[in-house]
Amino acid sequence: MPLLDSGNDLVEGSPVADVAITTFVSFEVPFHEQSVVGFNVTDSIDGDSVRGDYAGHLPGVVHPSFEWKTEFEPYGSERQVANEAIRG
């Protein structure tokens, strides 16, 4: 599974990229040009946005989307009592 595949993985902003050529054996860098490619990323907050309904600034470069499953177990449930017994 690719890391960036949902179309919502890049953070809103204007990232830029450098281009470099290196040698494999000696790791020399005969060519390096900074800020060669740039583009704008916008996030509209609606639809399938990774940010959900949060409208504030999100730091970082990528925000991959992961599927989560949560379960609620009320206090005193059979599983909760068993976990407490194991912990002592």
Protein backbone atom coordinates (compact mmCIF):
# COMPACT_ATOMS: atom_id res chain seq x y z
CA MET A 1 0.00 0.00 0.00
CA PRO A 2 1.51 3.36 -0.97
CA LEU A 3 1.93 5.89 1.82
CA LEU A 4 0.34 8.74 -0.14
CA ASP A 5 -2.72 7.41 -1.91
CA SER A 6 -5.87 9.15 -0.69
CA GLY A 7 -5.47 12.51 -2.45
CA ASN A 8 -5.62 14.20 0.98
CA ASP A 9 -2.18 13.36 2.30
CA LEU A 10 -0.25 16.61 1.80
CA VAL A 11 -0.68 19.44 4.29
CA GLU A 12 -2.19 22.68 3.04
CA GLY A 13 0.45 25.17 1.93
CA SER A 14 3.07 25.82 -0.77
CA PRO A 15 5.81 23.16 -0.64
CA VAL A 16 8.89 23.36 -2.86
CA ALA A 17 11.32 20.64 -3.90
CA ASP A 18 15.02 20.54 -4.73
CA VAL A 19 16.60 18.50 -7.52
CA ALA A 20 19.98 16.79 -7.05
CA ILE A 21 22.15 14.25 -8.83
CA THR A 22 24.46 12.07 -6.74
CA THR A 23 26.97 9.35 -7.49
CA PHE A 24 26.25 5.97 -5.93
CA VAL A 25 29.78 4.90 -5.08
CA SER A 26 31.36 8.09 -3.70
CA PHE A 27 28.12 9.92 -2.83
CA GLU A 28 29.31 13.12 -4.48
CA VAL A 29 26.70 15.70 -5.43
CA PRO A 30 27.75 17.22 -8.79
CA PHE A 31 24.39 18.97 -9.25
CA HIS A 32 21.98 20.45 -6.72
CA GLU A 33 19.41 23.11 -7.54
CA GLN A 34 17.15 24.43 -4.79
CA SER A 35 13.45 25.31 -5.09
CA VAL A 36 13.02 23.90 -8.59
CA VAL A 37 9.42 22.70 -8.28
CA GLY A 38 6.65 24.27 -6.24
CA PHE A 39 2.89 23.89 -6.02
CA ASN A 40 -0.09 24.88 -3.86
CA VAL A 41 -2.12 22.47 -1.76
CA THR A 42 -5.55 23.55 -0.49
CA ASP A 43 -7.90 21.69 1.82
CA SER A 44 -11.56 22.68 1.73
CA ILE A 45 -12.60 21.05 5.05
CA ASP A 46 -15.53 19.28 3.42
CA GLY A 47 -15.98 15.85 1.93
CA ASP A 48 -13.29 13.33 2.77
CA SER A 49 -10.70 15.76 4.16
CA VAL A 50 -8.13 14.18 6.48
CA ARG A 51 -8.48 17.11 8.87
CA GLY A 52 -12.11 16.24 9.62
CA ASP A 53 -13.96 19.30 10.91
CA TYR A 54 -10.85 20.96 12.43
CA ALA A 55 -10.24 24.33 10.72
CA GLY A 56 -7.02 25.32 12.54
CA HIS A 57 -3.40 25.01 11.35
CA LEU A 58 -2.04 21.45 11.14
CA PRO A 59 1.77 21.32 11.29
CA GLY A 60 3.86 18.83 9.33
CA VAL A 61 4.27 17.80 5.70
CA VAL A 62 2.02 14.78 5.27
CA HIS A 63 -1.14 13.66 7.04
CA PRO A 64 -1.89 10.14 5.88
CA SER A 65 -5.37 8.82 6.49
CA PHE A 66 -5.67 5.63 8.54
CA GLU A 67 -8.76 3.62 9.30
CA TRP A 68 -9.47 3.41 13.05
CA LYS A 69 -11.90 1.31 14.99
CA THR A 70 -12.89 2.27 18.53
CA GLU A 71 -14.98 0.32 21.00
CA PHE A 72 -16.66 1.44 24.19
CA GLU A 73 -16.81 -0.89 27.15
CA PRO A 74 -18.78 0.38 30.14
CA TYR A 75 -17.24 0.19 33.60
CA GLY A 76 -17.86 -3.22 35.12
CA SER A 77 -18.14 -5.02 31.82
CA GLU A 78 -16.93 -8.59 31.65
CA ARG A 79 -13.79 -7.66 29.68
CA GLN A 80 -12.91 -4.73 31.95
CA VAL A 81 -13.21 -6.92 35.06
CA ALA A 82 -10.97 -9.59 33.45
CA ASN A 83 -8.32 -6.96 32.59
CA GLU A 84 -8.29 -5.68 36.17
CA ALA A 85 -7.92 -9.25 37.48
CA ILE A 86 -4.89 -9.81 35.22
CA ARG A 87 -3.23 -6.58 36.38
CA GLY A 88 -3.69 -7.65 40.00
